[in-house]
Amino acid sequence: MAVQYHLKTAPGDVAPYVLLPGDPGRVEVIAQSWDEARHVASNREYVTYTGNYRGAPISCTSTGIGAPSTSIAMEELARCGARTFIRVGTCGTVQDDVANGTMAVMDSAMRLDGASATYAPIEYPAVASHDVVAACIAAAEELDLRHIVGTTRSADTFYASHPRPGSSFGDFWQSSWRHHFEDLRRLNVVAAEMEASVIFVLARVWGLRAGGVSVVLDNMLEVAGDSGEFDPEAQLEHSTRFVEQVSQLGNETVHKLWEADQRRT
């Protein structure tokens, strides 16, 4: 098989277990704690490292922001041998009892993206694989990381859907956005990000495995405030410790899955 068009990877370059951060800059951060790591390729928003973590073969590929670029990464990774996909990233929350720094283990996703609907009708559920969720919970407990398990909202936009004008450019706003965050709270959605839904749908329709964890950086209702102004550089938590913790959690989740898979063979 030829080198993949976007990732510039080929069969043999990618391990069966792949971590999927959005930010290309986080790939090397994740790989730094591996026992072995090599840079495979960099192209556009896609950076790939492959190596070994505590005996487990592991890769990490950045997806860029949102479902469309994530679907491209998954298509090409699967062609190169990836079989387990784990989203590792950051998110917001709408729940008052979920503090910044909490690890949101995502067992399901609201499909507010467009890419997953191209692959499967909206009635098709976006759910994580049970064994990936279980491995992530076990790893979080062993690492003594505060965590919560639940549904995430995966959407295509970052600045839209806020409850009042002030987030989108020029104070553009739609009245249908007014209660969106409050509705998410009532639905007991614990996280909000931009990629999990397409990861869960694609893995399920292909008969592969997927899961995800994101570290909470803000309460979206609090950030929106009374003014509606949204300045992510000032209002979101930017602790490098949180990113390091979610990276460690991803690595340990892969190790647990690999150990369990070894016992089955």
C-alpha atoms as a PDB file:
ATOM      1  CA  MET A   1       0.000   0.000   0.000  1.00  0.00           C
ATOM      2  CA  ALA A   2       1.290   3.468  -0.859  1.00  0.00           C
ATOM      3  CA  VAL A   3       2.144   6.187   1.616  1.00  0.00           C
ATOM      4  CA  GLN A   4      -1.046   7.843   2.834  1.00  0.00           C
ATOM      5  CA  TYR A   5      -1.855  11.142   1.154  1.00  0.00           C
ATOM      6  CA  HIS A   6      -2.345  13.308   4.256  1.00  0.00           C
ATOM      7  CA  LEU A   7      -0.523  11.531   7.103  1.00  0.00           C
ATOM      8  CA  LYS A   8       2.461  10.434   4.999  1.00  0.00           C
ATOM      9  CA  THR A   9       2.462   7.116   6.867  1.00  0.00           C
ATOM     10  CA  ALA A  10       2.494   3.573   5.492  1.00  0.00           C
ATOM     11  CA  PRO A  11       1.761   0.105   6.903  1.00  0.00           C
ATOM     12  CA  GLY A  12       4.403  -0.652   9.519  1.00  0.00           C
ATOM     13  CA  ASP A  13       4.629   2.984  10.591  1.00  0.00           C
ATOM     14  CA  VAL A  14       1.644   2.855  12.948  1.00  0.00           C
ATOM     15  CA  ALA A  15       0.961   0.694  16.010  1.00  0.00           C
ATOM     16  CA  PRO A  16      -2.421  -0.976  16.628  1.00  0.00           C
ATOM     17  CA  TYR A  17      -3.027   1.435  19.540  1.00  0.00           C
ATOM     18  CA  VAL A  18      -3.162   5.129  18.622  1.00  0.00           C
ATOM     19  CA  LEU A  19      -3.626   8.196  20.803  1.00  0.00           C
ATOM     20  CA  LEU A  20      -5.356  11.115  19.063  1.00  0.00           C
ATOM     21  CA  PRO A  21      -4.659  14.617  20.390  1.00  0.00           C
ATOM     22  CA  GLY A  22      -5.783  17.566  18.327  1.00  0.00           C
ATOM     23  CA  ASP A  23      -2.731  19.781  18.723  1.00  0.00           C
ATOM     24  CA  PRO A  24       0.348  18.715  16.709  1.00  0.00           C
ATOM     25  CA  GLY A  25       2.519  20.181  19.473  1.00  0.00           C
ATOM     26  CA  ARG A  26       1.174  17.703  22.013  1.00  0.00           C
ATOM     27  CA  VAL A  27       2.335  14.627  20.121  1.00  0.00           C
ATOM     28  CA  GLU A  28       5.969  14.989  21.150  1.00  0.00           C
ATOM     29  CA  VAL A  29       4.898  15.810  24.723  1.00  0.00           C
ATOM     30  CA  ILE A  30       2.970  12.522  24.875  1.00  0.00           C
ATOM     31  CA  ALA A  31       5.803  10.530  23.284  1.00  0.00           C
ATOM     32  CA  GLN A  32       8.439  11.904  25.666  1.00  0.00           C
ATOM     33  CA  SER A  33       7.319   9.508  28.395  1.00  0.00           C
ATOM     34  CA  TRP A  34       7.536   6.421  26.180  1.00  0.00           C
ATOM     35  CA  ASP A  35      10.410   3.975  26.505  1.00  0.00           C
ATOM     36  CA  GLU A  36      11.041   4.281  22.774  1.00  0.00           C
ATOM     37  CA  ALA A  37       9.754   6.926  20.379  1.00  0.00           C
ATOM     38  CA  ARG A  38      10.488   7.890  16.805  1.00  0.00           C
ATOM     39  CA  HIS A  39       9.094  10.633  14.651  1.00  0.00           C
ATOM     40  CA  VAL A  40       7.312   9.049  11.676  1.00  0.00           C
ATOM     41  CA  ALA A  41       5.917  11.938   9.676  1.00  0.00           C
ATOM     42  CA  SER A  42       4.664  15.519   9.740  1.00  0.00           C
ATOM     43  CA  ASN A  43       2.308  16.994   7.162  1.00  0.00           C
ATOM     44  CA  ARG A  44      -0.276  19.744   7.508  1.00  0.00           C
ATOM     45  CA  GLU A  45      -1.938  19.348  10.933  1.00  0.00           C
ATOM     46  CA  TYR A  46      -0.863  15.717  11.189  1.00  0.00           C
ATOM     47  CA  VAL A  47       2.181  14.696  13.248  1.00  0.00           C
ATOM     48  CA  THR A  48       2.813  11.014  13.995  1.00  0.00           C
ATOM     49  CA  TYR A  49       5.141   9.327  16.467  1.00  0.00           C
ATOM     50  CA  THR A  50       5.403   5.573  17.025  1.00  0.00           C
ATOM     51  CA  GLY A  51       7.183   3.682  19.779  1.00  0.00           C
ATOM     52  CA  ASN A  52       6.843   1.508  22.852  1.00  0.00           C
ATOM     53  CA  TYR A  53       5.336   2.278  26.258  1.00  0.00           C
ATOM     54  CA  ARG A  54       5.963  -0.278  29.003  1.00  0.00           C
ATOM     55  CA  GLY A  55       5.992  -3.045  26.419  1.00  0.00           C
ATOM     56  CA  ALA A  56       2.939  -1.836  24.521  1.00  0.00           C
ATOM     57  CA  PRO A  57       3.298  -0.787  20.876  1.00  0.00           C
ATOM     58  CA  ILE A  58       1.895   2.725  20.658  1.00  0.00           C
ATOM     59  CA  SER A  59       1.425   5.565  18.194  1.00  0.00           C
ATOM     60  CA  CYS A  60       0.240   9.132  18.541  1.00  0.00           C
ATOM     61  CA  THR A  61      -1.185  11.192  15.679  1.00  0.00           C
ATOM     62  CA  SER A  62      -2.557  14.715  15.893  1.00  0.00           C
ATOM     63  CA  THR A  63      -5.926  15.211  14.220  1.00  0.00           C
ATOM     64  CA  GLY A  64      -6.166  18.975  14.004  1.00  0.00           C
ATOM     65  CA  ILE A  65      -9.345  20.672  15.159  1.00  0.00           C
ATOM     66  CA  GLY A  66     -12.766  19.149  14.564  1.00  0.00           C
ATOM     67  CA  ALA A  67     -14.439  16.142  13.017  1.00  0.00           C
ATOM     68  CA  PRO A  68     -13.527  16.529   9.306  1.00  0.00           C
ATOM     69  CA  SER A  69      -9.759  16.442   9.788  1.00  0.00           C
ATOM     70  CA  THR A  70     -10.180  13.739  12.457  1.00  0.00           C
ATOM     71  CA  SER A  71     -12.084  11.512  10.044  1.00  0.00           C
ATOM     72  CA  ILE A  72      -9.256  11.830   7.506  1.00  0.00           C
ATOM     73  CA  ALA A  73      -6.692  10.854  10.136  1.00  0.00           C
ATOM     74  CA  MET A  74      -8.717   7.808  11.194  1.00  0.00           C
ATOM     75  CA  GLU A  75      -9.265   6.660   7.609  1.00  0.00           C
ATOM     76  CA  GLU A  76      -5.551   6.704   6.888  1.00  0.00           C
ATOM     77  CA  LEU A  77      -4.483   5.311  10.269  1.00  0.00           C
ATOM     78  CA  ALA A  78      -6.840   2.356   9.859  1.00  0.00           C
ATOM     79  CA  ARG A  79      -5.303   1.671   6.451  1.00  0.00           C
ATOM     80  CA  CYS A  80      -1.904   1.542   8.168  1.00  0.00           C
ATOM     81  CA  GLY A  81      -2.947  -0.940  10.864  1.00  0.00           C
ATOM     82  CA  ALA A  82      -4.475   1.116  13.691  1.00  0.00           C
ATOM     83  CA  ARG A  83      -7.213  -0.809  15.500  1.00  0.00           C
ATOM     84  CA  THR A  84      -7.754   1.072  18.772  1.00  0.00           C
ATOM     85  CA  PHE A  85      -8.269   4.851  18.796  1.00  0.00           C
ATOM     86  CA  ILE A  86      -8.183   6.929  21.989  1.00  0.00           C
ATOM     87  CA  ARG A  87      -8.922  10.629  21.941  1.00  0.00           C
ATOM     88  CA  VAL A  88      -6.770  12.613  24.404  1.00  0.00           C
ATOM     89  CA  GLY A  89      -7.479  16.302  24.620  1.00  0.00           C
ATOM     90  CA  THR A  90      -9.111  19.191  26.419  1.00  0.00           C
ATOM     91  CA  CYS A  91     -12.729  20.141  26.934  1.00  0.00           C
ATOM     92  CA  GLY A  92     -15.158  22.423  28.681  1.00  0.00           C
ATOM     93  CA  THR A  93     -18.006  21.461  30.981  1.00  0.00           C
ATOM     94  CA  VAL A  94     -21.449  22.774  31.884  1.00  0.00           C
ATOM     95  CA  GLN A  95     -21.677  20.980  35.231  1.00  0.00           C
ATOM     96  CA  ASP A  96     -20.946  23.025  38.364  1.00  0.00           C
ATOM     97  CA  ASP A  97     -19.559  20.034  40.257  1.00  0.00           C
ATOM     98  CA  VAL A  98     -16.916  19.266  37.593  1.00  0.00           C
ATOM     99  CA  ALA A  99     -13.797  21.271  38.429  1.00  0.00           C
ATOM    100  CA  ASN A 100     -10.971  22.312  36.141  1.00  0.00           C
ATOM    101  CA  GLY A 101      -8.416  19.526  35.933  1.00  0.00           C
ATOM    102  CA  THR A 102     -11.030  16.758  36.062  1.00  0.00           C
ATOM    103  CA  MET A 103     -10.508  13.965  33.555  1.00  0.00           C
ATOM    104  CA  ALA A 104     -13.706  13.494  31.551  1.00  0.00           C
ATOM    105  CA  VAL A 105     -13.840   9.858  30.448  1.00  0.00           C
ATOM    106  CA  MET A 106     -16.178   9.976  27.466  1.00  0.00           C
ATOM    107  CA  ASP A 107     -18.380   6.908  27.086  1.00  0.00           C
ATOM    108  CA  SER A 108     -20.696   8.494  24.510  1.00  0.00           C
ATOM    109  CA  ALA A 109     -21.133  11.656  22.466  1.00  0.00           C
ATOM    110  CA  MET A 110     -23.868  13.954  21.224  1.00  0.00           C
ATOM    111  CA  ARG A 111     -23.382  14.102  17.467  1.00  0.00           C
ATOM    112  CA  LEU A 112     -23.433  17.829  16.715  1.00  0.00           C
ATOM    113  CA  ASP A 113     -20.774  17.424  14.044  1.00  0.00           C
ATOM    114  CA  GLY A 114     -21.341  17.073  10.321  1.00  0.00           C
ATOM    115  CA  ALA A 115     -18.711  14.496   9.381  1.00  0.00           C
ATOM    116  CA  SER A 116     -20.152  11.560  11.319  1.00  0.00           C
ATOM    117  CA  ALA A 117     -23.545  12.104   9.665  1.00  0.00           C
ATOM    118  CA  THR A 118     -21.899  11.485   6.306  1.00  0.00           C
ATOM    119  CA  TYR A 119     -20.910   7.993   7.485  1.00  0.00           C
ATOM    120  CA  ALA A 120     -24.003   6.992   9.471  1.00  0.00           C
ATOM    121  CA  PRO A 121     -27.513   8.394  10.052  1.00  0.00           C
ATOM    122  CA  ILE A 122     -27.946  10.604  13.081  1.00  0.00           C
ATOM    123  CA  GLU A 123     -29.957   7.866  14.808  1.00  0.00           C
ATOM    124  CA  TYR A 124     -26.783   5.740  14.931  1.00  0.00           C
ATOM    125  CA  PRO A 125     -25.234   6.078  18.410  1.00  0.00           C
ATOM    126  CA  ALA A 126     -21.791   7.505  19.069  1.00  0.00           C
ATOM    127  CA  VAL A 127     -20.581   5.235  21.859  1.00  0.00           C
ATOM    128  CA  ALA A 128     -17.138   4.251  23.076  1.00  0.00           C
ATOM    129  CA  SER A 129     -15.963   0.651  23.345  1.00  0.00           C
ATOM    130  CA  HIS A 130     -16.650  -0.798  26.770  1.00  0.00           C
ATOM    131  CA  ASP A 131     -13.148  -2.197  27.289  1.00  0.00           C
ATOM    132  CA  VAL A 132     -11.540   1.148  26.368  1.00  0.00           C
ATOM    133  CA  VAL A 133     -13.751   2.987  28.856  1.00  0.00           C
ATOM    134  CA  ALA A 134     -12.990   0.406  31.553  1.00  0.00           C
ATOM    135  CA  ALA A 135      -9.241   0.645  30.913  1.00  0.00           C
ATOM    136  CA  CYS A 136      -9.363   4.425  31.101  1.00  0.00           C
ATOM    137  CA  ILE A 137     -11.260   4.363  34.408  1.00  0.00           C
ATOM    138  CA  ALA A 138      -8.829   1.822  35.869  1.00  0.00           C
ATOM    139  CA  ALA A 139      -5.841   3.904  34.761  1.00  0.00           C
ATOM    140  CA  ALA A 140      -7.323   7.098  36.244  1.00  0.00           C
ATOM    141  CA  GLU A 141      -7.909   5.345  39.556  1.00  0.00           C
ATOM    142  CA  GLU A 142      -4.369   3.988  39.669  1.00  0.00           C
ATOM    143  CA  LEU A 143      -2.950   7.415  38.835  1.00  0.00           C
ATOM    144  CA  ASP A 144      -5.211   8.976  41.476  1.00  0.00           C
ATOM    145  CA  LEU A 145      -6.645  11.427  38.960  1.00  0.00           C
ATOM    146  CA  ARG A 146     -10.001  13.054  39.612  1.00  0.00           C
ATOM    147  CA  HIS A 147     -12.327  11.821  36.858  1.00  0.00           C
ATOM    148  CA  ILE A 148     -15.926  11.617  35.749  1.00  0.00           C
ATOM    149  CA  VAL A 149     -17.556   9.286  33.224  1.00  0.00           C
ATOM    150  CA  GLY A 150     -20.295  10.427  30.890  1.00  0.00           C
ATOM    151  CA  THR A 151     -21.491  11.972  27.655  1.00  0.00           C
ATOM    152  CA  THR A 152     -19.659  14.664  25.729  1.00  0.00           C
ATOM    153  CA  ARG A 153     -21.054  17.129  23.231  1.00  0.00           C
ATOM    154  CA  SER A 154     -19.013  17.084  20.015  1.00  0.00           C
ATOM    155  CA  ALA A 155     -19.659  20.135  17.848  1.00  0.00           C
ATOM    156  CA  ASP A 156     -18.102  21.662  14.750  1.00  0.00           C
ATOM    157  CA  THR A 157     -17.711  25.178  16.153  1.00  0.00           C
ATOM    158  CA  PHE A 158     -15.743  26.788  18.956  1.00  0.00           C
ATOM    159  CA  TYR A 159     -17.081  30.359  19.115  1.00  0.00           C
ATOM    160  CA  ALA A 160     -20.713  29.688  18.154  1.00  0.00           C
ATOM    161  CA  SER A 161     -23.659  28.504  20.291  1.00  0.00           C
ATOM    162  CA  HIS A 162     -22.859  30.706  23.302  1.00  0.00           C
ATOM    163  CA  PRO A 163     -25.940  31.892  25.216  1.00  0.00           C
ATOM    164  CA  ARG A 164     -25.597  35.608  24.412  1.00  0.00           C
ATOM    165  CA  PRO A 165     -23.807  37.862  21.926  1.00  0.00           C
ATOM    166  CA  GLY A 166     -20.105  38.477  22.479  1.00  0.00           C
ATOM    167  CA  SER A 167     -18.417  35.238  21.440  1.00  0.00           C
ATOM    168  CA  SER A 168     -18.797  35.148  17.660  1.00  0.00           C
ATOM    169  CA  PHE A 169     -17.199  37.937  15.608  1.00  0.00           C
ATOM    170  CA  GLY A 170     -19.105  41.208  15.459  1.00  0.00           C
ATOM    171  CA  ASP A 171     -21.514  40.020  18.141  1.00  0.00           C
ATOM    172  CA  PHE A 172     -23.192  37.737  15.617  1.00  0.00           C
ATOM    173  CA  TRP A 173     -25.695  35.605  17.465  1.00  0.00           C
ATOM    174  CA  GLN A 174     -28.709  33.315  16.936  1.00  0.00           C
ATOM    175  CA  SER A 175     -31.612  33.213  19.366  1.00  0.00           C
ATOM    176  CA  SER A 176     -31.599  29.399  19.218  1.00  0.00           C
ATOM    177  CA  TRP A 177     -28.243  29.475  21.012  1.00  0.00           C
ATOM    178  CA  ARG A 178     -29.704  31.145  24.125  1.00  0.00           C
ATOM    179  CA  HIS A 179     -30.418  27.970  26.101  1.00  0.00           C
ATOM    180  CA  HIS A 180     -27.960  25.569  24.475  1.00  0.00           C
ATOM    181  CA  PHE A 181     -25.525  25.357  27.413  1.00  0.00           C
ATOM    182  CA  GLU A 182     -28.361  25.112  29.942  1.00  0.00           C
ATOM    183  CA  ASP A 183     -29.970  22.345  27.887  1.00  0.00           C
ATOM    184  CA  LEU A 184     -26.677  20.450  27.916  1.00  0.00           C
ATOM    185  CA  ARG A 185     -26.592  20.776  31.696  1.00  0.00           C
ATOM    186  CA  ARG A 186     -30.127  19.389  31.975  1.00  0.00           C
ATOM    187  CA  LEU A 187     -29.133  16.481  29.726  1.00  0.00           C
ATOM    188  CA  ASN A 188     -26.303  15.709  32.180  1.00  0.00           C
ATOM    189  CA  VAL A 189     -23.663  16.202  29.498  1.00  0.00           C
ATOM    190  CA  VAL A 190     -20.321  16.378  31.305  1.00  0.00           C
ATOM    191  CA  ALA A 191     -17.969  17.638  28.586  1.00  0.00           C
ATOM    192  CA  ALA A 192     -17.883  19.630  25.359  1.00  0.00           C
ATOM    193  CA  GLU A 193     -15.266  19.242  22.636  1.00  0.00           C
ATOM    194  CA  MET A 194     -15.061  18.733  18.868  1.00  0.00           C
ATOM    195  CA  GLU A 195     -13.839  15.246  17.924  1.00  0.00           C
ATOM    196  CA  ALA A 196     -15.164  12.342  20.010  1.00  0.00           C
ATOM    197  CA  SER A 197     -18.400  11.771  18.092  1.00  0.00           C
ATOM    198  CA  VAL A 198     -16.756  11.006  14.759  1.00  0.00           C
ATOM    199  CA  ILE A 199     -14.093   8.855  16.442  1.00  0.00           C
ATOM    200  CA  PHE A 200     -16.739   6.737  18.175  1.00  0.00           C
ATOM    201  CA  VAL A 201     -18.940   6.394  15.088  1.00  0.00           C
ATOM    202  CA  LEU A 202     -16.139   5.478  12.686  1.00  0.00           C
ATOM    203  CA  ALA A 203     -14.609   2.904  15.024  1.00  0.00           C
ATOM    204  CA  ARG A 204     -18.002   1.292  15.601  1.00  0.00           C
ATOM    205  CA  VAL A 205     -19.013   1.087  11.933  1.00  0.00           C
ATOM    206  CA  TRP A 206     -15.587  -0.350  11.041  1.00  0.00           C
ATOM    207  CA  GLY A 207     -15.690  -2.937  13.842  1.00  0.00           C
ATOM    208  CA  LEU A 208     -12.733  -1.327  15.643  1.00  0.00           C
ATOM    209  CA  ARG A 209     -12.346   0.141  19.155  1.00  0.00           C
ATOM    210  CA  ALA A 210     -12.427   3.707  20.404  1.00  0.00           C
ATOM    211  CA  GLY A 211     -12.644   5.742  23.566  1.00  0.00           C
ATOM    212  CA  GLY A 212     -11.591   9.115  24.813  1.00  0.00           C
ATOM    213  CA  VAL A 213     -10.586  11.282  27.722  1.00  0.00           C
ATOM    214  CA  SER A 214     -10.308  15.045  27.914  1.00  0.00           C
ATOM    215  CA  VAL A 215      -9.207  17.290  30.741  1.00  0.00           C
ATOM    216  CA  VAL A 216     -11.652  20.029  31.739  1.00  0.00           C
ATOM    217  CA  LEU A 217     -10.294  23.564  31.257  1.00  0.00           C
ATOM    218  CA  ASP A 218     -13.369  25.702  31.908  1.00  0.00           C
ATOM    219  CA  ASN A 219     -17.026  25.845  32.863  1.00  0.00           C
ATOM    220  CA  MET A 220     -18.653  27.210  29.713  1.00  0.00           C
ATOM    221  CA  LEU A 221     -21.589  28.778  31.515  1.00  0.00           C
ATOM    222  CA  GLU A 222     -19.284  30.647  33.901  1.00  0.00           C
ATOM    223  CA  VAL A 223     -17.001  31.765  31.080  1.00  0.00           C
ATOM    224  CA  ALA A 224     -19.971  33.068  29.074  1.00  0.00           C
ATOM    225  CA  GLY A 225     -20.948  35.219  32.059  1.00  0.00           C
ATOM    226  CA  ASP A 226     -23.384  38.118  31.907  1.00  0.00           C
ATOM    227  CA  SER A 227     -21.486  40.030  29.227  1.00  0.00           C
ATOM    228  CA  GLY A 228     -21.253  37.172  26.756  1.00  0.00           C
ATOM    229  CA  GLU A 229     -17.633  38.020  25.985  1.00  0.00           C
ATOM    230  CA  PHE A 230     -15.412  35.001  25.367  1.00  0.00           C
ATOM    231  CA  ASP A 231     -11.632  35.292  25.496  1.00  0.00           C
ATOM    232  CA  PRO A 232     -10.195  31.766  25.589  1.00  0.00           C
ATOM    233  CA  GLU A 233      -6.634  32.993  26.053  1.00  0.00           C
ATOM    234  CA  ALA A 234      -7.615  34.707  29.288  1.00  0.00           C
ATOM    235  CA  GLN A 235     -10.551  32.608  30.493  1.00  0.00           C
ATOM    236  CA  LEU A 236      -9.483  29.008  29.902  1.00  0.00           C
ATOM    237  CA  GLU A 237      -7.141  27.147  32.245  1.00  0.00           C
ATOM    238  CA  HIS A 238      -3.711  26.811  30.638  1.00  0.00           C
ATOM    239  CA  SER A 239      -1.917  24.572  33.133  1.00  0.00           C
ATOM    240  CA  THR A 240       0.732  22.397  31.475  1.00  0.00           C
ATOM    241  CA  ARG A 241       0.237  19.997  34.392  1.00  0.00           C
ATOM    242  CA  PHE A 242      -3.279  19.177  33.200  1.00  0.00           C
ATOM    243  CA  VAL A 243      -2.048  18.384  29.688  1.00  0.00           C
ATOM    244  CA  GLU A 244       0.717  16.202  31.105  1.00  0.00           C
ATOM    245  CA  GLN A 245      -1.817  14.340  33.265  1.00  0.00           C
ATOM    246  CA  VAL A 246      -4.224  13.596  30.418  1.00  0.00           C
ATOM    247  CA  SER A 247      -1.259  12.480  28.316  1.00  0.00           C
ATOM    248  CA  GLN A 248      -0.122  10.114  31.052  1.00  0.00           C
ATOM    249  CA  LEU A 249      -3.668   8.801  31.374  1.00  0.00           C
ATOM    250  CA  GLY A 250      -3.766   8.053  27.654  1.00  0.00           C
ATOM    251  CA  ASN A 251      -0.479   6.183  27.784  1.00  0.00           C
ATOM    252  CA  GLU A 252      -1.548   4.111  30.771  1.00  0.00           C
ATOM    253  CA  THR A 253      -4.872   3.300  29.118  1.00  0.00           C
ATOM    254  CA  VAL A 254      -3.014   1.893  26.102  1.00  0.00           C
ATOM    255  CA  HIS A 255      -0.832  -0.193  28.412  1.00  0.00           C
ATOM    256  CA  LYS A 256      -3.865  -1.674  30.172  1.00  0.00           C
ATOM    257  CA  LEU A 257      -5.559  -2.513  26.878  1.00  0.00           C
ATOM    258  CA  TRP A 258      -2.392  -4.122  25.535  1.00  0.00           C
ATOM    259  CA  GLU A 259      -2.018  -6.226  28.682  1.00  0.00           C
ATOM    260  CA  ALA A 260      -5.636  -7.378  28.441  1.00  0.00           C
ATOM    261  CA  ASP A 261      -5.236  -8.181  24.756  1.00  0.00           C
ATOM    262  CA  GLN A 262      -2.106 -10.208  25.500  1.00  0.00           C
ATOM    263  CA  ARG A 263      -4.022 -12.329  27.978  1.00  0.00           C
ATOM    264  CA  ARG A 264      -6.674 -13.088  25.346  1.00  0.00           C
ATOM    265  CA  THR A 265      -4.178 -14.399  22.796  1.00  0.00           C
END
